[in-house]
Amino acid sequence: MMDNKTKGIIATVAAVLLCGCPGLFLCFFGATTALAGMTPGAEIDVFGSSDPASAMTMGFVFLCLSLIFIAIPIVVGFTMLRKKPEEVVPSDEPLPPVS
């Protein structure tokens, strides 16, 4: 059987491959799209619209989505690989008197 550390590493690697890498690509695409919307004279075609505001909006939405996708592997890695506090086992000995 696998221990919790191995499961945590597998979950973190899967999250990085499925969310982190697409998040980075989405970040680059969003930044490129937003910058193209700010460039004067650029030929813009966003779903048939040549409005620079639509390109900038789409770029900023992609940037926000990429931050969410990049944060997912960080949260998964932190929650799966953190050292959990040890449970306190109650003893049968009575507590000493308090004055």
PDB file of N, CA and C in Angstrom:
ATOM      1  N   MET A   1       0.835  -1.183   0.000  1.00  0.00           N
ATOM      2  CA  MET A   1       0.000   0.000   0.000  1.00  0.00           C
ATOM      3  C   MET A   1       0.878   1.244   0.000  1.00  0.00           C
ATOM      4  N   MET A   2       0.308   2.315  -0.505  1.00  0.00           N
ATOM      5  CA  MET A   2       1.040   3.574  -0.544  1.00  0.00           C
ATOM      6  C   MET A   2       0.792   4.356   0.742  1.00  0.00           C
ATOM      7  N   ASP A   3       1.831   5.048   1.172  1.00  0.00           N
ATOM      8  CA  ASP A   3       1.646   5.890   2.346  1.00  0.00           C
ATOM      9  C   ASP A   3       1.118   7.260   1.906  1.00  0.00           C
ATOM     10  N   ASN A   4       0.800   8.094   2.867  1.00  0.00           N
ATOM     11  CA  ASN A   4       0.190   9.389   2.562  1.00  0.00           C
ATOM     12  C   ASN A   4       1.147  10.316   1.823  1.00  0.00           C
ATOM     13  N   LYS A   5       2.440  10.193   2.073  1.00  0.00           N
ATOM     14  CA  LYS A   5       3.419  11.047   1.397  1.00  0.00           C
ATOM     15  C   LYS A   5       3.442  10.744  -0.104  1.00  0.00           C
ATOM     16  N   THR A   6       3.388   9.467  -0.458  1.00  0.00           N
ATOM     17  CA  THR A   6       3.384   9.083  -1.873  1.00  0.00           C
ATOM     18  C   THR A   6       2.104   9.533  -2.556  1.00  0.00           C
ATOM     19  N   LYS A   7       0.979   9.370  -1.889  1.00  0.00           N
ATOM     20  CA  LYS A   7      -0.285   9.843  -2.458  1.00  0.00           C
ATOM     21  C   LYS A   7      -0.265  11.353  -2.654  1.00  0.00           C
ATOM     22  N   GLY A   8       0.338  12.072  -1.711  1.00  0.00           N
ATOM     23  CA  GLY A   8       0.435  13.525  -1.824  1.00  0.00           C
ATOM     24  C   GLY A   8       1.282  13.955  -3.001  1.00  0.00           C
ATOM     25  N   ILE A   9       2.385  13.248  -3.214  1.00  0.00           N
ATOM     26  CA  ILE A   9       3.255  13.575  -4.345  1.00  0.00           C
ATOM     27  C   ILE A   9       2.549  13.295  -5.658  1.00  0.00           C
ATOM     28  N   ILE A  10       1.842  12.181  -5.753  1.00  0.00           N
ATOM     29  CA  ILE A  10       1.107  11.837  -6.977  1.00  0.00           C
ATOM     30  C   ILE A  10       0.009  12.862  -7.247  1.00  0.00           C
ATOM     31  N   ALA A  11      -0.722  13.262  -6.201  1.00  0.00           N
ATOM     32  CA  ALA A  11      -1.782  14.255  -6.373  1.00  0.00           C
ATOM     33  C   ALA A  11      -1.210  15.607  -6.794  1.00  0.00           C
ATOM     34  N   THR A  12      -0.065  15.975  -6.234  1.00  0.00           N
ATOM     35  CA  THR A  12       0.544  17.255  -6.588  1.00  0.00           C
ATOM     36  C   THR A  12       1.040  17.256  -8.020  1.00  0.00           C
ATOM     37  N   VAL A  13       1.678  16.171  -8.445  1.00  0.00           N
ATOM     38  CA  VAL A  13       2.163  16.084  -9.827  1.00  0.00           C
ATOM     39  C   VAL A  13       0.984  16.105 -10.808  1.00  0.00           C
ATOM     40  N   ALA A  14      -0.083  15.389 -10.473  1.00  0.00           N
ATOM     41  CA  ALA A  14      -1.265  15.387 -11.345  1.00  0.00           C
ATOM     42  C   ALA A  14      -1.880  16.786 -11.418  1.00  0.00           C
ATOM     43  N   ALA A  15      -1.937  17.493 -10.293  1.00  0.00           N
ATOM     44  CA  ALA A  15      -2.501  18.850 -10.294  1.00  0.00           C
ATOM     45  C   ALA A  15      -1.629  19.801 -11.102  1.00  0.00           C
ATOM     46  N   VAL A  16      -0.312  19.628 -11.016  1.00  0.00           N
ATOM     47  CA  VAL A  16       0.583  20.491 -11.789  1.00  0.00           C
ATOM     48  C   VAL A  16       0.390  20.239 -13.278  1.00  0.00           C
ATOM     49  N   LEU A  17       0.298  18.959 -13.671  1.00  0.00           N
ATOM     50  CA  LEU A  17       0.149  18.648 -15.096  1.00  0.00           C
ATOM     51  C   LEU A  17      -1.225  19.050 -15.637  1.00  0.00           C
ATOM     52  N   LEU A  18      -2.271  18.858 -14.831  1.00  0.00           N
ATOM     53  CA  LEU A  18      -3.622  19.118 -15.322  1.00  0.00           C
ATOM     54  C   LEU A  18      -4.086  20.562 -15.129  1.00  0.00           C
ATOM     55  N   CYS A  19      -3.507  21.277 -14.174  1.00  0.00           N
ATOM     56  CA  CYS A  19      -3.944  22.654 -13.906  1.00  0.00           C
ATOM     57  C   CYS A  19      -2.815  23.671 -14.034  1.00  0.00           C
ATOM     58  N   GLY A  20      -1.642  23.344 -13.528  1.00  0.00           N
ATOM     59  CA  GLY A  20      -0.543  24.306 -13.516  1.00  0.00           C
ATOM     60  C   GLY A  20      -0.027  24.651 -14.900  1.00  0.00           C
ATOM     61  N   CYS A  21       0.251  23.641 -15.701  1.00  0.00           N
ATOM     62  CA  CYS A  21       0.759  23.891 -17.057  1.00  0.00           C
ATOM     63  C   CYS A  21      -0.265  24.610 -17.936  1.00  0.00           C
ATOM     64  N   PRO A  22      -1.529  24.168 -17.973  1.00  0.00           N
ATOM     65  CA  PRO A  22      -2.513  24.950 -18.741  1.00  0.00           C
ATOM     66  C   PRO A  22      -2.690  26.367 -18.190  1.00  0.00           C
ATOM     67  N   GLY A  23      -2.537  26.537 -16.881  1.00  0.00           N
ATOM     68  CA  GLY A  23      -2.638  27.869 -16.286  1.00  0.00           C
ATOM     69  C   GLY A  23      -1.526  28.782 -16.768  1.00  0.00           C
ATOM     70  N   LEU A  24      -0.307  28.243 -16.872  1.00  0.00           N
ATOM     71  CA  LEU A  24       0.796  29.054 -17.377  1.00  0.00           C
ATOM     72  C   LEU A  24       0.593  29.427 -18.846  1.00  0.00           C
ATOM     73  N   PHE A  25       0.147  28.470 -19.656  1.00  0.00           N
ATOM     74  CA  PHE A  25      -0.121  28.771 -21.065  1.00  0.00           C
ATOM     75  C   PHE A  25      -1.243  29.803 -21.200  1.00  0.00           C
ATOM     76  N   LEU A  26      -2.273  29.679 -20.372  1.00  0.00           N
ATOM     77  CA  LEU A  26      -3.380  30.631 -20.389  1.00  0.00           C
ATOM     78  C   LEU A  26      -2.900  32.014 -19.954  1.00  0.00           C
ATOM     79  N   CYS A  27      -1.956  32.058 -19.022  1.00  0.00           N
ATOM     80  CA  CYS A  27      -1.395  33.331 -18.573  1.00  0.00           C
ATOM     81  C   CYS A  27      -0.653  34.031 -19.714  1.00  0.00           C
ATOM     82  N   PHE A  28       0.172  33.283 -20.432  1.00  0.00           N
ATOM     83  CA  PHE A  28       0.904  33.865 -21.551  1.00  0.00           C
ATOM     84  C   PHE A  28      -0.051  34.314 -22.653  1.00  0.00           C
ATOM     85  N   PHE A  29      -1.063  33.501 -22.956  1.00  0.00           N
ATOM     86  CA  PHE A  29      -2.031  33.860 -23.987  1.00  0.00           C
ATOM     87  C   PHE A  29      -2.839  35.089 -23.571  1.00  0.00           C
ATOM     88  N   GLY A  30      -3.231  35.152 -22.303  1.00  0.00           N
ATOM     89  CA  GLY A  30      -3.992  36.306 -21.824  1.00  0.00           C
ATOM     90  C   GLY A  30      -3.173  37.579 -21.859  1.00  0.00           C
ATOM     91  N   ALA A  31      -1.899  37.483 -21.459  1.00  0.00           N
ATOM     92  CA  ALA A  31      -1.032  38.667 -21.501  1.00  0.00           C
ATOM     93  C   ALA A  31      -0.819  39.131 -22.934  1.00  0.00           C
ATOM     94  N   THR A  32      -0.630  38.193 -23.845  1.00  0.00           N
ATOM     95  CA  THR A  32      -0.443  38.549 -25.260  1.00  0.00           C
ATOM     96  C   THR A  32      -1.702  39.202 -25.823  1.00  0.00           C
ATOM     97  N   THR A  33      -2.863  38.658 -25.493  1.00  0.00           N
ATOM     98  CA  THR A  33      -4.121  39.205 -25.984  1.00  0.00           C
ATOM     99  C   THR A  33      -4.378  40.603 -25.411  1.00  0.00           C
ATOM    100  N   ALA A  34      -4.107  40.782 -24.115  1.00  0.00           N
ATOM    101  CA  ALA A  34      -4.314  42.092 -23.500  1.00  0.00           C
ATOM    102  C   ALA A  34      -3.366  43.133 -24.089  1.00  0.00           C
ATOM    103  N   LEU A  35      -2.112  42.729 -24.311  1.00  0.00           N
ATOM    104  CA  LEU A  35      -1.164  43.673 -24.911  1.00  0.00           C
ATOM    105  C   LEU A  35      -1.516  43.992 -26.359  1.00  0.00           C
ATOM    106  N   ALA A  36      -2.054  43.024 -27.091  1.00  0.00           N
ATOM    107  CA  ALA A  36      -2.469  43.283 -28.470  1.00  0.00           C
ATOM    108  C   ALA A  36      -3.633  44.268 -28.495  1.00  0.00           C
ATOM    109  N   GLY A  37      -4.493  44.205 -27.486  1.00  0.00           N
ATOM    110  CA  GLY A  37      -5.606  45.154 -27.421  1.00  0.00           C
ATOM    111  C   GLY A  37      -5.142  46.566 -27.122  1.00  0.00           C
ATOM    112  N   MET A  38      -3.984  46.700 -26.473  1.00  0.00           N
ATOM    113  CA  MET A  38      -3.456  48.026 -26.147  1.00  0.00           C
ATOM    114  C   MET A  38      -2.575  48.608 -27.250  1.00  0.00           C
ATOM    115  N   THR A  39      -2.184  47.779 -28.203  1.00  0.00           N
ATOM    116  CA  THR A  39      -1.297  48.220 -29.273  1.00  0.00           C
ATOM    117  C   THR A  39      -2.089  48.974 -30.337  1.00  0.00           C
ATOM    118  N   PRO A  40      -1.712  50.231 -30.619  1.00  0.00           N
ATOM    119  CA  PRO A  40      -2.440  50.974 -31.658  1.00  0.00           C
ATOM    120  C   PRO A  40      -2.146  50.408 -33.043  1.00  0.00           C
ATOM    121  N   GLY A  41      -3.175  50.287 -33.841  1.00  0.00           N
ATOM    122  CA  GLY A  41      -3.034  49.807 -35.209  1.00  0.00           C
ATOM    123  C   GLY A  41      -2.945  48.298 -35.341  1.00  0.00           C
ATOM    124  N   ALA A  42      -3.142  47.567 -34.262  1.00  0.00           N
ATOM    125  CA  ALA A  42      -3.060  46.105 -34.337  1.00  0.00           C
ATOM    126  C   ALA A  42      -4.324  45.554 -34.992  1.00  0.00           C
ATOM    127  N   GLU A  43      -4.139  44.503 -35.774  1.00  0.00           N
ATOM    128  CA  GLU A  43      -5.291  43.848 -36.388  1.00  0.00           C
ATOM    129  C   GLU A  43      -5.870  42.869 -35.376  1.00  0.00           C
ATOM    130  N   ILE A  44      -7.043  43.179 -34.855  1.00  0.00           N
ATOM    131  CA  ILE A  44      -7.662  42.398 -33.793  1.00  0.00           C
ATOM    132  C   ILE A  44      -8.897  41.710 -34.340  1.00  0.00           C
ATOM    133  N   ASP A  45      -9.022  40.425 -34.023  1.00  0.00           N
ATOM    134  CA  ASP A  45     -10.228  39.681 -34.378  1.00  0.00           C
ATOM    135  C   ASP A  45     -10.580  38.774 -33.207  1.00  0.00           C
ATOM    136  N   VAL A  46     -11.512  39.246 -32.388  1.00  0.00           N
ATOM    137  CA  VAL A  46     -11.967  38.483 -31.229  1.00  0.00           C
ATOM    138  C   VAL A  46     -13.399  38.058 -31.507  1.00  0.00           C
ATOM    139  N   PHE A  47     -13.554  36.828 -31.961  1.00  0.00           N
ATOM    140  CA  PHE A  47     -14.867  36.275 -32.290  1.00  0.00           C
ATOM    141  C   PHE A  47     -15.643  37.200 -33.226  1.00  0.00           C
ATOM    142  N   GLY A  48     -14.951  37.727 -34.227  1.00  0.00           N
ATOM    143  CA  GLY A  48     -15.588  38.578 -35.222  1.00  0.00           C
ATOM    144  C   GLY A  48     -15.610  40.053 -34.872  1.00  0.00           C
ATOM    145  N   SER A  49     -15.159  40.421 -33.713  1.00  0.00           N
ATOM    146  CA  SER A  49     -15.131  41.817 -33.284  1.00  0.00           C
ATOM    147  C   SER A  49     -13.723  42.373 -33.437  1.00  0.00           C
ATOM    148  N   SER A  50     -13.619  43.579 -33.954  1.00  0.00           N
ATOM    149  CA  SER A  50     -12.314  44.214 -34.090  1.00  0.00           C
ATOM    150  C   SER A  50     -12.118  45.309 -33.036  1.00  0.00           C
ATOM    151  N   ASP A  51     -12.931  45.292 -32.000  1.00  0.00           N
ATOM    152  CA  ASP A  51     -12.857  46.284 -30.929  1.00  0.00           C
ATOM    153  C   ASP A  51     -11.689  45.950 -29.997  1.00  0.00           C
ATOM    154  N   PRO A  52     -10.779  46.902 -29.763  1.00  0.00           N
ATOM    155  CA  PRO A  52      -9.657  46.633 -28.849  1.00  0.00           C
ATOM    156  C   PRO A  52     -10.114  46.360 -27.412  1.00  0.00           C
ATOM    157  N   ALA A  53     -11.238  46.926 -27.015  1.00  0.00           N
ATOM    158  CA  ALA A  53     -11.728  46.693 -25.654  1.00  0.00           C
ATOM    159  C   ALA A  53     -12.113  45.228 -25.453  1.00  0.00           C
ATOM    160  N   SER A  54     -12.647  44.590 -26.472  1.00  0.00           N
ATOM    161  CA  SER A  54     -13.009  43.178 -26.332  1.00  0.00           C
ATOM    162  C   SER A  54     -11.757  42.305 -26.217  1.00  0.00           C
ATOM    163  N   ALA A  55     -10.693  42.672 -26.920  1.00  0.00           N
ATOM    164  CA  ALA A  55      -9.445  41.919 -26.806  1.00  0.00           C
ATOM    165  C   ALA A  55      -8.838  42.100 -25.422  1.00  0.00           C
ATOM    166  N   MET A  56      -8.875  43.321 -24.904  1.00  0.00           N
ATOM    167  CA  MET A  56      -8.326  43.555 -23.567  1.00  0.00           C
ATOM    168  C   MET A  56      -9.157  42.845 -22.508  1.00  0.00           C
ATOM    169  N   THR A  57     -10.478  42.861 -22.668  1.00  0.00           N
ATOM    170  CA  THR A  57     -11.344  42.166 -21.707  1.00  0.00           C
ATOM    171  C   THR A  57     -11.060  40.666 -21.723  1.00  0.00           C
ATOM    172  N   MET A  58     -10.962  40.092 -22.908  1.00  0.00           N
ATOM    173  CA  MET A  58     -10.680  38.666 -23.012  1.00  0.00           C
ATOM    174  C   MET A  58      -9.304  38.342 -22.418  1.00  0.00           C
ATOM    175  N   GLY A  59      -8.320  39.207 -22.638  1.00  0.00           N
ATOM    176  CA  GLY A  59      -6.988  38.992 -22.083  1.00  0.00           C
ATOM    177  C   GLY A  59      -6.991  39.034 -20.565  1.00  0.00           C
ATOM    178  N   PHE A  60      -7.715  39.996 -19.983  1.00  0.00           N
ATOM    179  CA  PHE A  60      -7.762  40.096 -18.525  1.00  0.00           C
ATOM    180  C   PHE A  60      -8.549  38.948 -17.898  1.00  0.00           C
ATOM    181  N   VAL A  61      -9.587  38.479 -18.577  1.00  0.00           N
ATOM    182  CA  VAL A  61     -10.330  37.313 -18.084  1.00  0.00           C
ATOM    183  C   VAL A  61      -9.435  36.080 -18.100  1.00  0.00           C
ATOM    184  N   PHE A  62      -8.661  35.914 -19.158  1.00  0.00           N
ATOM    185  CA  PHE A  62      -7.734  34.785 -19.232  1.00  0.00           C
ATOM    186  C   PHE A  62      -6.661  34.880 -18.150  1.00  0.00           C
ATOM    187  N   LEU A  63      -6.212  36.094 -17.857  1.00  0.00           N
ATOM    188  CA  LEU A  63      -5.217  36.258 -16.788  1.00  0.00           C
ATOM    189  C   LEU A  63      -5.800  35.873 -15.429  1.00  0.00           C
ATOM    190  N   CYS A  64      -7.036  36.267 -15.177  1.00  0.00           N
ATOM    191  CA  CYS A  64      -7.674  35.903 -13.899  1.00  0.00           C
ATOM    192  C   CYS A  64      -7.888  34.388 -13.803  1.00  0.00           C
ATOM    193  N   LEU A  65      -8.342  33.771 -14.883  1.00  0.00           N
ATOM    194  CA  LEU A  65      -8.514  32.322 -14.885  1.00  0.00           C
ATOM    195  C   LEU A  65      -7.182  31.599 -14.699  1.00  0.00           C
ATOM    196  N   SER A  66      -6.135  32.149 -15.288  1.00  0.00           N
ATOM    197  CA  SER A  66      -4.830  31.500 -15.143  1.00  0.00           C
ATOM    198  C   SER A  66      -4.346  31.556 -13.701  1.00  0.00           C
ATOM    199  N   LEU A  67      -4.651  32.624 -12.976  1.00  0.00           N
ATOM    200  CA  LEU A  67      -4.260  32.689 -11.568  1.00  0.00           C
ATOM    201  C   LEU A  67      -4.955  31.601 -10.761  1.00  0.00           C
ATOM    202  N   ILE A  68      -6.217  31.326 -11.084  1.00  0.00           N
ATOM    203  CA  ILE A  68      -6.943  30.256 -10.394  1.00  0.00           C
ATOM    204  C   ILE A  68      -6.316  28.901 -10.722  1.00  0.00           C
ATOM    205  N   PHE A  69      -6.020  28.688 -12.002  1.00  0.00           N
ATOM    206  CA  PHE A  69      -5.424  27.412 -12.409  1.00  0.00           C
ATOM    207  C   PHE A  69      -4.035  27.215 -11.799  1.00  0.00           C
ATOM    208  N   ILE A  70      -3.273  28.282 -11.649  1.00  0.00           N
ATOM    209  CA  ILE A  70      -1.936  28.177 -11.060  1.00  0.00           C
ATOM    210  C   ILE A  70      -2.028  27.962  -9.555  1.00  0.00           C
ATOM    211  N   ALA A  71      -3.060  28.512  -8.917  1.00  0.00           N
ATOM    212  CA  ALA A  71      -3.206  28.375  -7.461  1.00  0.00           C
ATOM    213  C   ALA A  71      -3.629  26.962  -7.048  1.00  0.00           C
ATOM    214  N   ILE A  72      -4.313  26.241  -7.921  1.00  0.00           N
ATOM    215  CA  ILE A  72      -4.805  24.902  -7.576  1.00  0.00           C
ATOM    216  C   ILE A  72      -3.669  23.950  -7.196  1.00  0.00           C
ATOM    217  N   PRO A  73      -2.587  23.815  -7.990  1.00  0.00           N
ATOM    218  CA  PRO A  73      -1.508  22.909  -7.564  1.00  0.00           C
ATOM    219  C   PRO A  73      -0.814  23.362  -6.276  1.00  0.00           C
ATOM    220  N   ILE A  74      -0.761  24.663  -6.049  1.00  0.00           N
ATOM    221  CA  ILE A  74      -0.144  25.161  -4.817  1.00  0.00           C
ATOM    222  C   ILE A  74      -0.963  24.719  -3.612  1.00  0.00           C
ATOM    223  N   VAL A  75      -2.285  24.859  -3.710  1.00  0.00           N
ATOM    224  CA  VAL A  75      -3.157  24.458  -2.602  1.00  0.00           C
ATOM    225  C   VAL A  75      -3.127  22.946  -2.412  1.00  0.00           C
ATOM    226  N   VAL A  76      -3.161  22.201  -3.506  1.00  0.00           N
ATOM    227  CA  VAL A  76      -3.121  20.737  -3.406  1.00  0.00           C
ATOM    228  C   VAL A  76      -1.804  20.280  -2.786  1.00  0.00           C
ATOM    229  N   GLY A  77      -0.706  20.856  -3.220  1.00  0.00           N
ATOM    230  CA  GLY A  77       0.593  20.491  -2.664  1.00  0.00           C
ATOM    231  C   GLY A  77       0.701  20.841  -1.187  1.00  0.00           C
ATOM    232  N   PHE A  78       0.183  22.001  -0.820  1.00  0.00           N
ATOM    233  CA  PHE A  78       0.252  22.400   0.582  1.00  0.00           C
ATOM    234  C   PHE A  78      -0.587  21.488   1.462  1.00  0.00           C
ATOM    235  N   THR A  79      -1.808  21.185   1.025  1.00  0.00           N
ATOM    236  CA  THR A  79      -2.688  20.378   1.868  1.00  0.00           C
ATOM    237  C   THR A  79      -2.260  18.909   1.906  1.00  0.00           C
ATOM    238  N   MET A  80      -1.712  18.396   0.827  1.00  0.00           N
ATOM    239  CA  MET A  80      -1.337  16.983   0.806  1.00  0.00           C
ATOM    240  C   MET A  80       0.034  16.719   1.419  1.00  0.00           C
ATOM    241  N   LEU A  81       0.951  17.658   1.321  1.00  0.00           N
ATOM    242  CA  LEU A  81       2.317  17.402   1.753  1.00  0.00           C
ATOM    243  C   LEU A  81       2.673  18.051   3.085  1.00  0.00           C
ATOM    244  N   ARG A  82       1.763  18.780   3.681  1.00  0.00           N
ATOM    245  CA  ARG A  82       2.087  19.419   4.964  1.00  0.00           C
ATOM    246  C   ARG A  82       2.177  18.359   6.050  1.00  0.00           C
ATOM    247  N   LYS A  83       2.936  18.683   7.066  1.00  0.00           N
ATOM    248  CA  LYS A  83       3.091  17.764   8.177  1.00  0.00           C
ATOM    249  C   LYS A  83       1.923  17.985   9.135  1.00  0.00           C
ATOM    250  N   LYS A  84       1.122  16.969   9.279  1.00  0.00           N
ATOM    251  CA  LYS A  84      -0.059  17.087  10.128  1.00  0.00           C
ATOM    252  C   LYS A  84       0.348  16.962  11.596  1.00  0.00           C
ATOM    253  N   PRO A  85      -0.307  17.741  12.462  1.00  0.00           N
ATOM    254  CA  PRO A  85       0.049  17.645  13.884  1.00  0.00           C
ATOM    255  C   PRO A  85      -0.318  16.268  14.441  1.00  0.00           C
ATOM    256  N   GLU A  86       0.512  15.809  15.358  1.00  0.00           N
ATOM    257  CA  GLU A  86       0.272  14.498  15.953  1.00  0.00           C
ATOM    258  C   GLU A  86      -0.887  14.582  16.935  1.00  0.00           C
ATOM    259  N   GLU A  87      -1.651  13.509  16.977  1.00  0.00           N
ATOM    260  CA  GLU A  87      -2.781  13.466  17.900  1.00  0.00           C
ATOM    261  C   GLU A  87      -2.279  13.245  19.318  1.00  0.00           C
ATOM    262  N   VAL A  88      -2.913  13.920  20.246  1.00  0.00           N
ATOM    263  CA  VAL A  88      -2.554  13.763  21.649  1.00  0.00           C
ATOM    264  C   VAL A  88      -3.346  12.589  22.202  1.00  0.00           C
ATOM    265  N   VAL A  89      -2.620  11.620  22.730  1.00  0.00           N
ATOM    266  CA  VAL A  89      -3.262  10.433  23.288  1.00  0.00           C
ATOM    267  C   VAL A  89      -3.471  10.678  24.782  1.00  0.00           C
ATOM    268  N   PRO A  90      -4.708  10.638  25.238  1.00  0.00           N
ATOM    269  CA  PRO A  90      -4.938  10.871  26.673  1.00  0.00           C
ATOM    270  C   PRO A  90      -4.380   9.705  27.488  1.00  0.00           C
ATOM    271  N   SER A  91      -3.776  10.049  28.615  1.00  0.00           N
ATOM    272  CA  SER A  91      -3.222   9.005  29.464  1.00  0.00           C
ATOM    273  C   SER A  91      -4.194   8.720  30.611  1.00  0.00           C
ATOM    274  N   ASP A  92      -3.978   7.580  31.230  1.00  0.00           N
ATOM    275  CA  ASP A  92      -4.837   7.182  32.346  1.00  0.00           C
ATOM    276  C   ASP A  92      -4.400   7.822  33.669  1.00  0.00           C
ATOM    277  N   GLU A  93      -3.255   8.494  33.644  1.00  0.00           N
ATOM    278  CA  GLU A  93      -2.769   9.109  34.879  1.00  0.00           C
ATOM    279  C   GLU A  93      -3.585  10.366  35.180  1.00  0.00           C
ATOM    280  N   PRO A  94      -3.898  10.603  36.462  1.00  0.00           N
ATOM    281  CA  PRO A  94      -4.631  11.814  36.803  1.00  0.00           C
ATOM    282  C   PRO A  94      -3.738  13.053  36.702  1.00  0.00           C
ATOM    283  N   LEU A  95      -4.361  14.193  36.459  1.00  0.00           N
ATOM    284  CA  LEU A  95      -3.627  15.439  36.379  1.00  0.00           C
ATOM    285  C   LEU A  95      -3.167  15.856  37.767  1.00  0.00           C
ATOM    286  N   PRO A  96      -2.006  16.503  37.856  1.00  0.00           N
ATOM    287  CA  PRO A  96      -1.556  16.975  39.170  1.00  0.00           C
ATOM    288  C   PRO A  96      -2.459  18.113  39.662  1.00  0.00           C
ATOM    289  N   PRO A  97      -2.561  18.260  40.978  1.00  0.00           N
ATOM    290  CA  PRO A  97      -3.418  19.325  41.504  1.00  0.00           C
ATOM    291  C   PRO A  97      -2.877  20.708  41.176  1.00  0.00           C
ATOM    292  N   VAL A  98      -3.796  21.631  40.942  1.00  0.00           N
ATOM    293  CA  VAL A  98      -3.437  23.010  40.627  1.00  0.00           C
ATOM    294  C   VAL A  98      -3.671  23.840  41.868  1.00  0.00           C
ATOM    295  N   SER A  99      -2.684  24.665  42.235  1.00  0.00           N
ATOM    296  CA  SER A  99      -2.866  25.467  43.449  1.00  0.00           C
ATOM    297  C   SER A  99      -3.484  26.811  43.167  1.00  0.00           C
TER     298      SER A  99
END
